[in-house]
Amino acid sequence: MLGGHGPHGTHLPSHSYGHAHQSHDAPHVAPQGELWALLSPRVLFSFLVGMGASGLLLARWLFEPLVVVGALTGGVLFERYVVTPIWNGLLRFASEPAQTLERAVFEVAQAVTDFDAQGQGLIAVELDGQLV
C-alpha cells in the first residue's frame, strides 16, 4: 500500500523524507556489540547450564583437566546448538514495535481543517497503518 486515504478521498503518502530505509532481516552489529551480546544474561545462563551438565557427565569418564575442557566445550555447544535455535524460533512471533506520535514528526501530513489565527487546526497522518 502506497498510502492511506484521508477524508473525502484524499490520498496521504506514507513515505518519510530524510530516513534511510533499512532491512529488518539483516541487522548490522558492531564488533563491540557482538562482545556485549556474549555477556547477555541469556547467553551466560545457558552457557553455564550446559557447562555444568557437561562437567557432571564427563566427570565419570575423564580426569580433571579434560573435564574442564569438555565442560567448556559442552557449554558453548549447548548455548549455540540447543538454546539459540529455540530462542530464535520464539522470537519469530514477536511483533514490530509500535510507532509513537513523536515518529509522526517526520511523516507527511495533510491539513483536515483550516487553521485559525492562533495556528490551531487538525491534521491527518498515517501511523502504523491507521489514520491519526
N, C-alpha and C. Protein backbone atom coordinates (compact mmCIF):
# COMPACT_ATOMS: atom_id res chain seq x y z
N MET A 1 0.84 -1.16 0.00
CA MET A 1 0.00 0.00 0.00
C MET A 1 0.89 1.23 0.00
N LEU A 2 0.65 2.13 -0.93
CA LEU A 2 1.48 3.31 -1.05
C LEU A 2 1.07 4.41 -0.09
N GLY A 3 -0.11 4.45 0.32
CA GLY A 3 -0.53 5.50 1.24
C GLY A 3 -1.92 5.23 1.76
N GLY A 4 -2.37 6.06 2.68
CA GLY A 4 -3.69 5.90 3.25
C GLY A 4 -4.65 6.85 2.58
N HIS A 5 -5.90 6.73 2.91
CA HIS A 5 -6.90 7.62 2.36
C HIS A 5 -7.44 8.49 3.47
N GLY A 6 -7.45 9.77 3.22
CA GLY A 6 -7.96 10.72 4.18
C GLY A 6 -9.43 10.98 3.92
N PRO A 7 -9.96 12.00 4.56
CA PRO A 7 -11.36 12.34 4.36
C PRO A 7 -11.60 12.81 2.94
N HIS A 8 -12.74 12.53 2.40
CA HIS A 8 -13.18 12.94 1.07
C HIS A 8 -12.30 12.38 -0.03
N GLY A 9 -11.72 11.19 0.18
CA GLY A 9 -10.97 10.51 -0.88
C GLY A 9 -9.59 11.08 -1.13
N THR A 10 -9.07 11.93 -0.27
CA THR A 10 -7.73 12.46 -0.48
C THR A 10 -6.71 11.37 -0.22
N HIS A 11 -5.59 11.48 -0.87
CA HIS A 11 -4.55 10.46 -0.77
C HIS A 11 -3.42 10.98 0.11
N LEU A 12 -3.02 10.19 1.11
CA LEU A 12 -1.94 10.57 2.01
C LEU A 12 -0.73 9.72 1.71
N PRO A 13 0.37 10.29 1.25
CA PRO A 13 1.58 9.48 1.04
C PRO A 13 2.13 9.03 2.38
N SER A 14 2.68 7.82 2.41
CA SER A 14 3.16 7.28 3.68
C SER A 14 4.67 7.13 3.73
N HIS A 15 5.39 7.74 2.83
CA HIS A 15 6.84 7.64 2.88
C HIS A 15 7.40 8.82 3.65
N SER A 16 8.55 8.61 4.25
CA SER A 16 9.16 9.66 5.05
C SER A 16 10.38 10.20 4.33
N TYR A 17 10.67 11.44 4.58
CA TYR A 17 11.82 12.09 3.98
C TYR A 17 12.97 12.14 4.97
N GLY A 18 14.19 11.97 4.48
CA GLY A 18 15.36 12.10 5.33
C GLY A 18 15.70 10.86 6.10
N HIS A 19 15.06 9.73 5.81
CA HIS A 19 15.35 8.48 6.51
C HIS A 19 15.83 7.46 5.53
N ALA A 20 16.89 6.78 5.87
CA ALA A 20 17.36 5.66 5.06
C ALA A 20 16.53 4.44 5.44
N HIS A 21 16.07 3.73 4.44
CA HIS A 21 15.28 2.53 4.71
C HIS A 21 16.22 1.37 4.89
N GLN A 22 16.12 0.70 6.03
CA GLN A 22 16.99 -0.42 6.34
C GLN A 22 16.17 -1.69 6.40
N SER A 23 16.78 -2.78 5.99
CA SER A 23 16.12 -4.07 6.05
C SER A 23 16.14 -4.56 7.49
N HIS A 24 15.02 -5.12 7.95
CA HIS A 24 14.95 -5.68 9.30
C HIS A 24 15.45 -7.11 9.32
N ASP A 25 15.75 -7.67 8.12
CA ASP A 25 16.20 -9.05 8.05
C ASP A 25 17.65 -9.22 8.45
N ALA A 26 18.51 -8.24 8.15
CA ALA A 26 19.93 -8.37 8.42
C ALA A 26 20.43 -7.16 9.20
N PRO A 27 20.26 -7.17 10.52
CA PRO A 27 20.72 -6.03 11.30
C PRO A 27 22.25 -5.96 11.33
N HIS A 28 22.77 -4.75 11.36
CA HIS A 28 24.20 -4.55 11.41
C HIS A 28 24.61 -4.44 12.87
N VAL A 29 25.56 -5.28 13.29
CA VAL A 29 26.03 -5.28 14.67
C VAL A 29 27.51 -4.94 14.66
N ALA A 30 27.90 -3.95 15.44
CA ALA A 30 29.30 -3.57 15.55
C ALA A 30 30.06 -4.65 16.31
N PRO A 31 31.37 -4.78 16.09
CA PRO A 31 32.14 -5.79 16.82
C PRO A 31 32.02 -5.66 18.34
N GLN A 32 31.93 -4.43 18.86
CA GLN A 32 31.77 -4.26 20.30
C GLN A 32 30.42 -4.79 20.74
N GLY A 33 29.39 -4.65 19.88
CA GLY A 33 28.06 -5.16 20.20
C GLY A 33 28.03 -6.68 20.27
N GLU A 34 28.85 -7.34 19.44
CA GLU A 34 28.91 -8.80 19.48
C GLU A 34 29.51 -9.27 20.80
N LEU A 35 30.52 -8.56 21.30
CA LEU A 35 31.12 -8.94 22.59
C LEU A 35 30.13 -8.74 23.73
N TRP A 36 29.38 -7.63 23.69
CA TRP A 36 28.38 -7.38 24.73
C TRP A 36 27.26 -8.41 24.65
N ALA A 37 26.93 -8.86 23.42
CA ALA A 37 25.88 -9.87 23.27
C ALA A 37 26.28 -11.18 23.94
N LEU A 38 27.58 -11.49 23.97
CA LEU A 38 28.03 -12.70 24.65
C LEU A 38 27.87 -12.61 26.15
N LEU A 39 27.78 -11.40 26.67
CA LEU A 39 27.63 -11.22 28.11
C LEU A 39 26.17 -11.03 28.54
N SER A 40 25.24 -11.30 27.63
CA SER A 40 23.82 -11.15 27.99
C SER A 40 23.45 -12.24 29.00
N PRO A 41 22.49 -11.96 29.85
CA PRO A 41 22.09 -12.96 30.86
C PRO A 41 21.65 -14.29 30.25
N ARG A 42 20.94 -14.24 29.12
CA ARG A 42 20.50 -15.48 28.49
C ARG A 42 21.68 -16.32 28.04
N VAL A 43 22.66 -15.71 27.38
CA VAL A 43 23.82 -16.44 26.89
C VAL A 43 24.64 -16.98 28.06
N LEU A 44 24.88 -16.15 29.05
CA LEU A 44 25.66 -16.61 30.20
C LEU A 44 24.97 -17.74 30.94
N PHE A 45 23.67 -17.61 31.16
CA PHE A 45 22.95 -18.65 31.90
C PHE A 45 22.95 -19.97 31.13
N SER A 46 22.64 -19.92 29.84
CA SER A 46 22.60 -21.17 29.07
C SER A 46 23.99 -21.79 28.93
N PHE A 47 25.04 -20.94 28.81
CA PHE A 47 26.40 -21.46 28.76
C PHE A 47 26.75 -22.17 30.07
N LEU A 48 26.41 -21.55 31.20
CA LEU A 48 26.72 -22.16 32.50
C LEU A 48 25.93 -23.44 32.75
N VAL A 49 24.68 -23.48 32.30
CA VAL A 49 23.89 -24.71 32.45
C VAL A 49 24.51 -25.82 31.61
N GLY A 50 24.86 -25.51 30.36
CA GLY A 50 25.50 -26.51 29.50
C GLY A 50 26.84 -26.95 30.03
N MET A 51 27.60 -26.01 30.58
CA MET A 51 28.91 -26.34 31.15
C MET A 51 28.76 -27.26 32.37
N GLY A 52 27.80 -26.94 33.23
CA GLY A 52 27.59 -27.76 34.42
C GLY A 52 27.12 -29.16 34.08
N ALA A 53 26.17 -29.26 33.15
CA ALA A 53 25.68 -30.58 32.75
C ALA A 53 26.77 -31.39 32.08
N SER A 54 27.55 -30.77 31.22
CA SER A 54 28.65 -31.47 30.55
C SER A 54 29.71 -31.91 31.55
N GLY A 55 30.02 -31.05 32.50
CA GLY A 55 31.00 -31.39 33.53
C GLY A 55 30.56 -32.57 34.37
N LEU A 56 29.27 -32.60 34.73
CA LEU A 56 28.76 -33.73 35.51
C LEU A 56 28.81 -35.04 34.72
N LEU A 57 28.48 -34.98 33.45
CA LEU A 57 28.50 -36.18 32.63
C LEU A 57 29.93 -36.67 32.35
N LEU A 58 30.85 -35.75 32.08
CA LEU A 58 32.21 -36.14 31.71
C LEU A 58 33.07 -36.52 32.91
N ALA A 59 32.67 -36.11 34.12
CA ALA A 59 33.48 -36.40 35.31
C ALA A 59 33.59 -37.90 35.58
N ARG A 60 32.66 -38.70 35.09
CA ARG A 60 32.71 -40.14 35.30
C ARG A 60 33.76 -40.83 34.44
N TRP A 61 34.05 -40.26 33.26
CA TRP A 61 34.92 -40.95 32.31
C TRP A 61 36.28 -40.30 32.11
N LEU A 62 36.42 -39.02 32.40
CA LEU A 62 37.68 -38.32 32.14
C LEU A 62 38.32 -37.85 33.45
N PHE A 63 39.62 -37.55 33.40
CA PHE A 63 40.27 -36.99 34.58
C PHE A 63 40.19 -35.47 34.52
N GLU A 64 40.56 -34.83 35.61
CA GLU A 64 40.25 -33.42 35.89
C GLU A 64 40.55 -32.42 34.77
N PRO A 65 41.74 -32.29 34.19
CA PRO A 65 41.95 -31.24 33.18
C PRO A 65 41.06 -31.42 31.94
N LEU A 66 40.80 -32.65 31.56
CA LEU A 66 39.96 -32.88 30.38
C LEU A 66 38.49 -32.62 30.68
N VAL A 67 38.09 -32.78 31.93
CA VAL A 67 36.71 -32.48 32.30
C VAL A 67 36.44 -30.99 32.12
N VAL A 68 37.39 -30.14 32.50
CA VAL A 68 37.23 -28.69 32.36
C VAL A 68 37.11 -28.31 30.88
N VAL A 69 37.99 -28.87 30.04
CA VAL A 69 37.93 -28.57 28.61
C VAL A 69 36.62 -29.07 28.02
N GLY A 70 36.22 -30.28 28.40
CA GLY A 70 34.96 -30.84 27.91
C GLY A 70 33.76 -30.06 28.39
N ALA A 71 33.79 -29.57 29.62
CA ALA A 71 32.69 -28.79 30.16
C ALA A 71 32.58 -27.44 29.43
N LEU A 72 33.71 -26.79 29.18
CA LEU A 72 33.69 -25.54 28.42
C LEU A 72 33.13 -25.75 27.02
N THR A 73 33.58 -26.81 26.37
CA THR A 73 33.09 -27.13 25.03
C THR A 73 31.61 -27.46 25.07
N GLY A 74 31.19 -28.23 26.06
CA GLY A 74 29.77 -28.56 26.20
C GLY A 74 28.90 -27.34 26.44
N GLY A 75 29.41 -26.38 27.22
CA GLY A 75 28.66 -25.14 27.46
C GLY A 75 28.46 -24.34 26.19
N VAL A 76 29.52 -24.24 25.39
CA VAL A 76 29.43 -23.50 24.12
C VAL A 76 28.47 -24.21 23.17
N LEU A 77 28.60 -25.53 23.06
CA LEU A 77 27.74 -26.28 22.15
C LEU A 77 26.27 -26.24 22.58
N PHE A 78 26.03 -26.32 23.89
CA PHE A 78 24.66 -26.25 24.40
C PHE A 78 24.04 -24.90 24.06
N GLU A 79 24.78 -23.82 24.30
CA GLU A 79 24.26 -22.47 24.01
C GLU A 79 24.02 -22.31 22.52
N ARG A 80 24.97 -22.71 21.71
CA ARG A 80 24.90 -22.46 20.27
C ARG A 80 23.88 -23.35 19.56
N TYR A 81 23.81 -24.62 19.88
CA TYR A 81 23.00 -25.56 19.09
C TYR A 81 21.72 -26.03 19.77
N VAL A 82 21.50 -25.66 21.03
CA VAL A 82 20.26 -26.04 21.70
C VAL A 82 19.45 -24.79 22.03
N VAL A 83 20.03 -23.86 22.79
CA VAL A 83 19.28 -22.72 23.29
C VAL A 83 19.04 -21.67 22.19
N THR A 84 20.07 -21.36 21.40
CA THR A 84 19.92 -20.32 20.38
C THR A 84 18.83 -20.64 19.36
N PRO A 85 18.74 -21.86 18.80
CA PRO A 85 17.64 -22.13 17.87
C PRO A 85 16.26 -22.02 18.51
N ILE A 86 16.13 -22.45 19.77
CA ILE A 86 14.85 -22.32 20.47
C ILE A 86 14.51 -20.85 20.65
N TRP A 87 15.47 -20.07 21.08
CA TRP A 87 15.27 -18.64 21.31
C TRP A 87 14.88 -17.93 20.01
N ASN A 88 15.62 -18.22 18.93
CA ASN A 88 15.31 -17.59 17.64
C ASN A 88 13.93 -18.01 17.14
N GLY A 89 13.54 -19.24 17.38
CA GLY A 89 12.20 -19.69 16.99
C GLY A 89 11.11 -18.96 17.74
N LEU A 90 11.32 -18.71 19.02
CA LEU A 90 10.34 -17.97 19.80
C LEU A 90 10.26 -16.51 19.39
N LEU A 91 11.38 -15.91 19.01
CA LEU A 91 11.40 -14.50 18.64
C LEU A 91 10.75 -14.24 17.28
N ARG A 92 10.51 -15.28 16.49
CA ARG A 92 9.81 -15.08 15.22
C ARG A 92 8.39 -14.60 15.45
N PHE A 93 7.84 -14.86 16.63
CA PHE A 93 6.47 -14.47 16.92
C PHE A 93 6.37 -13.05 17.49
N ALA A 94 7.48 -12.37 17.67
CA ALA A 94 7.47 -11.01 18.20
C ALA A 94 6.95 -10.05 17.14
N SER A 95 6.21 -9.06 17.56
CA SER A 95 5.66 -8.08 16.63
C SER A 95 6.62 -6.89 16.50
N GLU A 96 6.39 -6.12 15.47
CA GLU A 96 7.16 -4.89 15.28
C GLU A 96 6.78 -3.90 16.38
N PRO A 97 7.73 -3.12 16.88
CA PRO A 97 7.39 -2.12 17.90
C PRO A 97 6.42 -1.08 17.33
N ALA A 98 5.48 -0.65 18.17
CA ALA A 98 4.51 0.35 17.74
C ALA A 98 5.19 1.69 17.57
N GLN A 99 4.73 2.45 16.59
CA GLN A 99 5.25 3.79 16.39
C GLN A 99 4.49 4.76 17.27
N THR A 100 5.18 5.79 17.71
CA THR A 100 4.56 6.80 18.57
C THR A 100 4.29 8.07 17.78
N LEU A 101 3.55 8.98 18.37
CA LEU A 101 3.26 10.24 17.69
C LEU A 101 4.52 11.07 17.46
N GLU A 102 5.55 10.87 18.29
CA GLU A 102 6.80 11.58 18.06
C GLU A 102 7.41 11.19 16.72
N ARG A 103 7.21 9.97 16.29
CA ARG A 103 7.70 9.49 15.00
C ARG A 103 6.99 10.19 13.85
N ALA A 104 5.76 10.65 14.08
CA ALA A 104 4.97 11.29 13.05
C ALA A 104 5.53 12.65 12.65
N VAL A 105 6.46 13.18 13.41
CA VAL A 105 7.07 14.46 13.08
C VAL A 105 7.75 14.38 11.72
N PHE A 106 8.27 13.22 11.36
CA PHE A 106 9.00 13.05 10.11
C PHE A 106 8.11 12.58 8.96
N GLU A 107 6.82 12.43 9.18
CA GLU A 107 5.90 11.95 8.16
C GLU A 107 5.22 13.13 7.47
N VAL A 108 4.75 12.86 6.26
CA VAL A 108 3.98 13.86 5.52
C VAL A 108 2.55 13.82 6.04
N ALA A 109 2.01 14.98 6.36
CA ALA A 109 0.65 15.07 6.91
C ALA A 109 -0.19 15.98 6.02
N GLN A 110 -1.50 15.90 6.20
CA GLN A 110 -2.42 16.73 5.43
C GLN A 110 -3.34 17.46 6.38
N ALA A 111 -3.59 18.73 6.09
CA ALA A 111 -4.50 19.52 6.91
C ALA A 111 -5.92 19.05 6.67
N VAL A 112 -6.63 18.72 7.75
CA VAL A 112 -8.02 18.27 7.66
C VAL A 112 -8.96 19.46 7.77
N THR A 113 -8.61 20.42 8.63
CA THR A 113 -9.42 21.64 8.78
C THR A 113 -8.53 22.85 8.50
N ASP A 114 -9.16 23.99 8.32
CA ASP A 114 -8.39 25.23 8.16
C ASP A 114 -7.78 25.61 9.50
N PHE A 115 -6.66 26.31 9.44
CA PHE A 115 -6.01 26.79 10.66
C PHE A 115 -6.52 28.18 10.96
N ASP A 116 -6.78 28.47 12.24
CA ASP A 116 -7.29 29.78 12.63
C ASP A 116 -6.12 30.75 12.85
N ALA A 117 -6.40 31.92 13.34
CA ALA A 117 -5.39 32.95 13.53
C ALA A 117 -4.34 32.56 14.56
N GLN A 118 -4.69 31.70 15.51
CA GLN A 118 -3.73 31.25 16.51
C GLN A 118 -2.90 30.06 16.01
N GLY A 119 -3.15 29.60 14.80
CA GLY A 119 -2.40 28.47 14.26
C GLY A 119 -2.93 27.13 14.70
N GLN A 120 -4.18 27.08 15.15
CA GLN A 120 -4.77 25.84 15.60
C GLN A 120 -5.62 25.24 14.50
N GLY A 121 -5.48 23.93 14.33
CA GLY A 121 -6.25 23.22 13.32
C GLY A 121 -5.96 21.74 13.45
N LEU A 122 -6.57 20.92 12.63
CA LEU A 122 -6.38 19.48 12.67
C LEU A 122 -5.62 19.02 11.44
N ILE A 123 -4.71 18.06 11.66
CA ILE A 123 -4.01 17.43 10.56
C ILE A 123 -4.22 15.93 10.64
N ALA A 124 -4.02 15.24 9.53
CA ALA A 124 -4.15 13.79 9.48
C ALA A 124 -2.80 13.20 9.05
N VAL A 125 -2.36 12.15 9.74
CA VAL A 125 -1.10 11.48 9.42
C VAL A 125 -1.32 9.97 9.59
N GLU A 126 -0.68 9.16 8.74
CA GLU A 126 -0.79 7.72 8.86
C GLU A 126 0.30 7.22 9.80
N LEU A 127 -0.11 6.46 10.82
CA LEU A 127 0.81 5.94 11.83
C LEU A 127 0.45 4.49 12.11
N ASP A 128 1.35 3.59 11.83
CA ASP A 128 1.12 2.14 11.99
C ASP A 128 -0.09 1.67 11.19
N GLY A 129 -0.28 2.23 10.00
CA GLY A 129 -1.38 1.82 9.15
C GLY A 129 -2.72 2.41 9.52
N GLN A 130 -2.76 3.28 10.51
CA GLN A 130 -4.00 3.91 10.93
C GLN A 130 -3.91 5.41 10.68
N LEU A 131 -5.03 5.98 10.31
CA LEU A 131 -5.10 7.42 10.09
C LEU A 131 -5.35 8.09 11.43
N VAL A 132 -4.41 8.91 11.89
CA VAL A 132 -4.50 9.57 13.19
C VAL A 132 -4.63 11.06 12.97
